[in-house]
Amino acid sequence: MAKLNVELVKSLNGRHVKHIATANSMGLRRIGDCSVQPDNDQTRGKIAQIGYLLKVTEVK
């Protein structure tokens, strides 16, 4: 199964409460935090919601 490396590149200050909660559910608390997530529908949905805050790369 493929994995995605997700990095928070923009601040969560002043963002919608749901967007902050989505970032926190992915383990992203502050700028520069990275987490490896499985490439599935749930993760893709989270990325679609807060993609403007993230940098996403595929892990091989």
Protein backbone atom coordinates (compact mmCIF):
# COMPACT_ATOMS: atom_id res chain seq x y z
CA MET A 1 0.00 0.00 0.00
CA ALA A 2 1.29 3.44 -0.93
CA LYS A 3 2.04 6.06 1.68
CA LEU A 4 2.03 9.85 1.58
CA ASN A 5 4.39 12.19 3.39
CA VAL A 6 2.36 15.21 4.50
CA GLU A 7 4.09 18.40 5.72
CA LEU A 8 2.42 21.49 7.19
CA VAL A 9 3.91 24.50 5.38
CA LYS A 10 1.50 27.28 6.43
CA SER A 11 0.34 28.36 9.87
CA LEU A 12 -2.93 27.25 11.46
CA ASN A 13 -3.47 30.68 13.04
CA GLY A 14 -6.73 32.25 11.96
CA ARG A 15 -7.95 29.17 10.06
CA HIS A 16 -11.38 27.57 10.30
CA VAL A 17 -11.88 25.39 13.37
CA LYS A 18 -12.60 22.33 11.20
CA HIS A 19 -9.38 22.86 9.23
CA ILE A 20 -7.35 23.05 12.44
CA ALA A 21 -9.02 19.87 13.69
CA THR A 22 -8.25 18.11 10.40
CA ALA A 23 -4.57 19.08 10.61
CA ASN A 24 -4.42 17.93 14.24
CA SER A 25 -5.99 14.59 13.31
CA MET A 26 -3.13 14.06 10.88
CA GLY A 27 -0.57 14.80 13.61
CA LEU A 28 0.31 18.25 12.28
CA ARG A 29 0.54 20.86 15.03
CA ARG A 30 3.05 23.47 13.84
CA ILE A 31 4.82 24.58 10.68
CA GLY A 32 7.35 22.00 9.53
CA ASP A 33 5.63 19.02 11.16
CA CYS A 34 5.57 15.92 8.94
CA SER A 35 3.60 12.72 9.12
CA VAL A 36 3.35 9.62 6.97
CA GLN A 37 -0.24 8.75 6.13
CA PRO A 38 -1.71 5.81 4.20
CA ASP A 39 -2.88 6.65 0.68
CA ASN A 40 -6.60 5.95 1.08
CA ASP A 41 -9.90 7.77 0.63
CA GLN A 42 -9.95 9.22 4.15
CA THR A 43 -6.48 10.73 3.80
CA ARG A 44 -7.27 12.06 0.32
CA GLY A 45 -10.38 13.76 1.71
CA LYS A 46 -8.39 15.44 4.48
CA ILE A 47 -5.80 16.61 1.97
CA ALA A 48 -8.56 17.98 -0.28
CA GLN A 49 -9.94 20.00 2.63
CA ILE A 50 -6.66 21.57 3.83
CA GLY A 51 -4.43 21.11 0.79
CA TYR A 52 -3.64 24.83 0.72
CA LEU A 53 -1.73 24.37 4.00
CA LEU A 54 0.20 21.23 3.02
CA LYS A 55 2.99 19.87 0.89
CA VAL A 56 2.30 16.26 -0.07
CA THR A 57 4.84 13.81 -1.51
CA GLU A 58 4.62 10.08 -2.17
CA VAL A 59 6.81 7.74 -0.13
CA LYS A 60 8.11 4.69 -1.96
